[in-house]
Amino acid sequence: MTADSPHAVARLRAARLARSAKPFLARGGPKGERCAGCRLVPTHCLCALRPVVPARAGMCLLMADIEPLKPSNTGWLIADVVGDTFAFGWARTEVAPALLALLRDPQWQPYVVFPREFADAARVVHEVTQPSTKRPLFILLDGTWDEARKMFRKSPYLQNFPVLSLHPEQRSRYTLRRAQSAAHFCTAEVGAMCLALAQDNPAADALNAYLDVYTEHYLKAKQQRPVDLADEVHLRLQAATHSA
């Protein structure tokens, strides 16, 4: 992926739109216009602020049906930051051959990221093995909590991989959707935690900062207020990008 080419989530979104029987209309913005690169209204475009940082880990997003279409989806931010991000739509009755090929690729060690209470104890791990000849591939189930649980239960091709259970001490900072529990985190927050466990700390810091800037732009656009490119969240993103 290059800075000018669409990443995996953007391609999945385009494919999902192409097979829609009616147009998907996201709320906000004059006549609904949104930037194709960041999904925000053009006055609050984020594309120029996209961080470029290295990461050894990869991300595999299994996305519920309309998740790629939502402007508030944060899996898109992971694909912006992590070069090796793969995205697939999830369906109970079929699986993309490219996903199965990815999971068999010997360069990757897949981890299914999910709470331990839903998995057999023998599968649960809390750390990413270091060092390893394989690169970690974090499988994130991207959807509502109910959708994610269904994906976890009804995806037999994931059943032989370790389940990475996270135990964050902080609460979620994500405010663009209402979570069912204070313990639930948005997809980008989970991705940043995984990157930190994989010792991809510059990428983890950049993704966290990028999420905060994205949230700021999104909310300011809803309020029809300008963003301050010199405020704390923008400066933190700038520092994270330059330190990578």
Protein backbone atom coordinates (compact mmCIF):
# COMPACT_ATOMS: atom_id res chain seq x y z
CA MET A 1 0.00 0.00 0.00
CA THR A 2 1.22 3.49 -0.84
CA ALA A 3 0.02 6.80 0.54
CA ASP A 4 -1.99 7.39 -2.63
CA SER A 5 -3.53 3.93 -3.05
CA PRO A 6 -6.68 2.73 -1.29
CA HIS A 7 -6.00 0.48 1.68
CA ALA A 8 -7.80 -2.76 2.53
CA VAL A 9 -10.73 -1.17 4.37
CA ALA A 10 -11.26 1.39 1.61
CA ARG A 11 -11.32 -1.42 -0.97
CA LEU A 12 -13.77 -3.41 1.15
CA ARG A 13 -15.98 -0.33 1.48
CA ALA A 14 -15.95 0.19 -2.30
CA ALA A 15 -16.88 -3.46 -2.89
CA ARG A 16 -19.69 -3.25 -0.35
CA LEU A 17 -21.06 -0.07 -1.95
CA ALA A 18 -20.90 -1.66 -5.39
CA ARG A 19 -23.27 -4.44 -4.40
CA SER A 20 -25.70 -2.27 -2.43
CA ALA A 21 -29.25 -2.13 -3.72
CA LYS A 22 -29.56 1.48 -2.56
CA PRO A 23 -27.01 4.17 -1.69
CA PHE A 24 -25.63 4.31 1.84
CA LEU A 25 -26.29 7.80 3.18
CA ALA A 26 -24.09 8.83 6.10
CA ARG A 27 -25.34 11.69 8.20
CA GLY A 28 -23.61 15.04 8.30
CA GLY A 29 -22.17 17.54 5.90
CA PRO A 30 -23.80 19.59 3.16
CA LYS A 31 -25.67 17.19 0.90
CA GLY A 32 -23.77 14.35 2.58
CA GLU A 33 -20.40 14.99 0.87
CA ARG A 34 -17.50 13.20 2.50
CA CYS A 35 -13.82 12.88 1.64
CA ALA A 36 -13.12 9.52 0.00
CA GLY A 37 -9.80 9.31 1.83
CA CYS A 38 -10.91 9.84 5.44
CA ARG A 39 -14.76 9.80 5.32
CA LEU A 40 -15.01 13.19 7.02
CA VAL A 41 -16.69 16.24 5.55
CA PRO A 42 -14.23 18.09 3.28
CA THR A 43 -13.86 21.08 5.61
CA HIS A 44 -12.49 18.76 8.31
CA CYS A 45 -10.46 16.40 6.10
CA LEU A 46 -7.83 14.35 7.92
CA CYS A 47 -5.84 13.03 5.00
CA ALA A 48 -2.85 15.39 5.35
CA LEU A 49 -2.38 14.26 8.97
CA ARG A 50 -2.21 10.53 8.28
CA PRO A 51 0.83 9.14 10.15
CA VAL A 52 3.43 7.05 8.38
CA VAL A 53 5.15 4.72 10.85
CA PRO A 54 6.72 1.25 10.58
CA ALA A 55 5.12 -1.81 12.17
CA ARG A 56 6.23 -5.43 12.20
CA ALA A 57 2.79 -6.69 13.22
CA GLY A 58 -0.12 -7.10 10.84
CA MET A 59 -3.84 -6.56 11.35
CA CYS A 60 -6.67 -8.67 9.96
CA LEU A 61 -10.08 -7.04 10.27
CA LEU A 62 -13.16 -9.25 10.00
CA MET A 63 -15.89 -6.71 9.49
CA ALA A 64 -19.65 -7.01 9.97
CA ASP A 65 -21.70 -6.27 6.87
CA ILE A 66 -22.16 -2.48 6.97
CA GLU A 67 -19.20 -1.68 9.24
CA PRO A 68 -16.94 -0.52 6.35
CA LEU A 69 -19.64 1.97 5.33
CA LYS A 70 -19.84 3.80 8.67
CA PRO A 71 -17.84 7.05 8.92
CA SER A 72 -17.40 6.32 12.64
CA ASN A 73 -15.67 2.98 11.99
CA THR A 74 -12.13 3.08 13.43
CA GLY A 75 -10.82 -0.02 11.66
CA TRP A 76 -10.21 2.45 8.84
CA LEU A 77 -7.70 4.27 11.07
CA ILE A 78 -5.78 1.05 11.68
CA ALA A 79 -5.48 0.56 7.93
CA ASP A 80 -4.24 4.14 7.61
CA VAL A 81 -1.43 3.52 10.11
CA VAL A 82 -0.47 -0.17 9.80
CA GLY A 83 0.83 -1.01 6.35
CA ASP A 84 0.02 -4.71 6.56
CA THR A 85 -3.69 -4.42 7.29
CA PHE A 86 -6.11 -6.88 5.66
CA ALA A 87 -9.89 -6.51 5.70
CA PHE A 88 -12.62 -9.01 4.91
CA GLY A 89 -16.37 -8.93 5.18
CA TRP A 90 -17.72 -11.60 7.52
CA ALA A 91 -20.52 -14.00 6.61
CA ARG A 92 -21.58 -17.10 8.51
CA THR A 93 -22.01 -19.31 5.43
CA GLU A 94 -18.93 -18.38 3.40
CA VAL A 95 -15.35 -17.28 3.83
CA ALA A 96 -13.10 -15.44 1.40
CA PRO A 97 -10.38 -17.69 -0.07
CA ALA A 98 -7.92 -14.81 0.39
CA LEU A 99 -8.62 -14.84 4.14
CA LEU A 100 -7.91 -18.56 4.39
CA ALA A 101 -4.70 -18.08 2.39
CA LEU A 102 -3.63 -15.29 4.72
CA LEU A 103 -4.22 -17.44 7.81
CA ARG A 104 -2.09 -20.21 6.25
CA ASP A 105 0.76 -17.88 5.27
CA PRO A 106 3.85 -19.11 7.19
CA GLN A 107 5.17 -15.61 7.83
CA TRP A 108 2.27 -14.89 10.23
CA GLN A 109 1.30 -16.08 13.70
CA PRO A 110 -2.43 -15.27 13.98
CA TYR A 111 -3.98 -14.22 17.29
CA VAL A 112 -7.75 -13.88 17.66
CA VAL A 113 -8.27 -10.86 19.90
CA PHE A 114 -11.23 -11.53 22.19
CA PRO A 115 -12.11 -11.67 25.91
CA ARG A 116 -10.92 -14.82 27.67
CA GLU A 117 -14.30 -15.67 29.22
CA PHE A 118 -15.64 -16.66 25.80
CA ALA A 119 -12.80 -19.04 24.89
CA ASP A 120 -11.50 -22.37 26.12
CA ALA A 121 -8.84 -21.72 28.73
CA ALA A 122 -6.27 -23.75 26.80
CA ARG A 123 -6.42 -21.25 23.91
CA VAL A 124 -6.09 -18.07 25.97
CA VAL A 125 -2.86 -16.06 26.01
CA HIS A 126 -2.12 -12.66 27.45
CA GLU A 127 1.15 -11.88 25.71
CA VAL A 128 2.63 -11.97 22.24
CA THR A 129 5.54 -14.40 22.04
CA GLN A 130 8.81 -12.53 21.60
CA PRO A 131 11.09 -13.09 19.82
CA SER A 132 9.57 -15.19 17.08
CA THR A 133 10.43 -16.12 13.54
CA LYS A 134 6.81 -15.30 12.69
CA ARG A 135 5.21 -11.89 12.68
CA PRO A 136 2.09 -11.42 14.82
CA LEU A 137 -1.17 -11.08 12.91
CA PHE A 138 -3.94 -9.72 15.10
CA ILE A 139 -7.45 -10.77 14.05
CA LEU A 140 -9.92 -8.10 15.15
CA LEU A 141 -13.67 -8.78 14.99
CA ASP A 142 -15.03 -5.41 13.91
CA GLY A 143 -18.71 -4.82 14.60
CA THR A 144 -21.13 -4.33 17.45
CA TRP A 145 -20.55 -6.47 20.53
CA ASP A 146 -23.33 -8.87 19.50
CA GLU A 147 -21.90 -9.12 15.98
CA ALA A 148 -18.39 -9.75 17.31
CA ARG A 149 -19.59 -12.57 19.56
CA LYS A 150 -21.38 -14.17 16.62
CA MET A 151 -18.20 -13.94 14.51
CA PHE A 152 -16.18 -15.53 17.30
CA ARG A 153 -18.61 -18.42 17.76
CA LYS A 154 -19.40 -19.13 14.12
CA SER A 155 -16.00 -18.88 12.40
CA PRO A 156 -14.58 -22.43 12.49
CA TYR A 157 -11.45 -21.36 10.59
CA LEU A 158 -10.40 -19.32 13.64
CA GLN A 159 -10.75 -22.11 16.19
CA ASN A 160 -7.16 -23.37 16.10
CA PHE A 161 -5.52 -20.04 16.85
CA PRO A 162 -4.63 -18.62 20.26
CA VAL A 163 -7.07 -16.13 21.75
CA LEU A 164 -5.33 -12.97 22.92
CA SER A 165 -7.17 -11.54 25.92
CA LEU A 166 -6.41 -7.91 26.75
CA HIS A 167 -6.62 -6.40 30.22
CA PRO A 168 -6.45 -2.62 29.82
CA GLU A 169 -6.39 -0.53 32.97
CA GLN A 170 -7.89 2.55 31.34
CA ARG A 171 -11.43 3.13 30.10
CA SER A 172 -12.27 3.72 26.46
CA ARG A 173 -11.69 7.24 25.14
CA TYR A 174 -13.93 6.68 22.11
CA THR A 175 -17.04 8.85 22.16
CA LEU A 176 -18.50 8.60 18.65
CA ARG A 177 -20.66 5.57 19.44
CA ARG A 178 -22.32 4.38 22.63
CA ALA A 179 -20.71 1.22 24.00
CA GLN A 180 -22.75 -1.45 25.74
CA SER A 181 -20.17 -1.50 28.54
CA ALA A 182 -17.47 0.82 29.83
CA ALA A 183 -15.10 -2.13 29.38
CA HIS A 184 -15.68 -2.19 25.60
CA PHE A 185 -13.12 -0.47 23.41
CA CYS A 186 -13.32 0.69 19.83
CA THR A 187 -11.41 -1.22 17.17
CA ALA A 188 -8.57 1.31 16.89
CA GLU A 189 -8.01 1.27 20.67
CA VAL A 190 -7.78 -2.53 20.60
CA GLY A 191 -5.40 -2.33 17.65
CA ALA A 192 -3.12 0.07 19.53
CA MET A 193 -3.04 -2.26 22.55
CA CYS A 194 -2.06 -5.15 20.29
CA LEU A 195 0.72 -3.12 18.68
CA ALA A 196 2.09 -2.27 22.13
CA LEU A 197 2.10 -5.96 23.11
CA ALA A 198 4.00 -6.70 19.90
CA GLN A 199 6.55 -4.01 20.88
CA ASP A 200 5.49 -1.87 17.92
CA ASN A 201 5.39 1.06 20.30
CA PRO A 202 5.82 3.90 17.76
CA ALA A 203 2.89 2.55 15.74
CA ALA A 204 0.82 2.11 18.91
CA ASP A 205 1.48 5.70 19.97
CA ALA A 206 0.73 7.03 16.50
CA LEU A 207 -2.54 5.09 16.26
CA ASN A 208 -3.70 6.32 19.67
CA ALA A 209 -2.88 9.91 18.77
CA TYR A 210 -4.47 9.56 15.34
CA LEU A 211 -7.69 8.25 16.91
CA ASP A 212 -7.86 11.31 19.16
CA VAL A 213 -7.31 13.67 16.22
CA TYR A 214 -9.92 11.83 14.14
CA THR A 215 -12.42 12.09 17.00
CA GLU A 216 -11.70 15.81 17.32
CA HIS A 217 -12.25 16.40 13.60
CA TYR A 218 -15.41 14.27 13.55
CA LEU A 219 -17.00 16.08 16.50
CA LYS A 220 -15.97 19.54 15.32
CA ALA A 221 -17.51 18.79 11.93
CA LYS A 222 -20.80 17.84 13.61
CA GLN A 223 -20.68 21.07 15.59
CA GLN A 224 -19.72 23.06 12.47
CA ARG A 225 -16.69 24.42 14.29
CA PRO A 226 -13.13 24.68 12.94
CA VAL A 227 -10.34 22.47 14.24
CA ASP A 228 -7.23 23.90 15.87
CA LEU A 229 -4.23 22.24 14.25
CA ALA A 230 -2.01 23.51 17.08
CA ASP A 231 -4.03 22.04 19.95
CA GLU A 232 -2.82 19.28 22.27
CA VAL A 233 -4.15 16.31 20.27
CA HIS A 234 -2.67 17.53 16.99
CA LEU A 235 0.70 18.24 18.59
CA ARG A 236 0.72 14.77 20.15
CA LEU A 237 0.07 13.18 16.75
CA GLN A 238 2.83 15.27 15.23
CA ALA A 239 5.25 14.17 17.97
CA ALA A 240 4.28 10.51 17.62
CA THR A 241 4.79 10.62 13.86
CA HIS A 242 8.15 12.36 14.04
CA SER A 243 9.50 10.04 16.74
CA ALA A 244 8.74 6.89 14.77
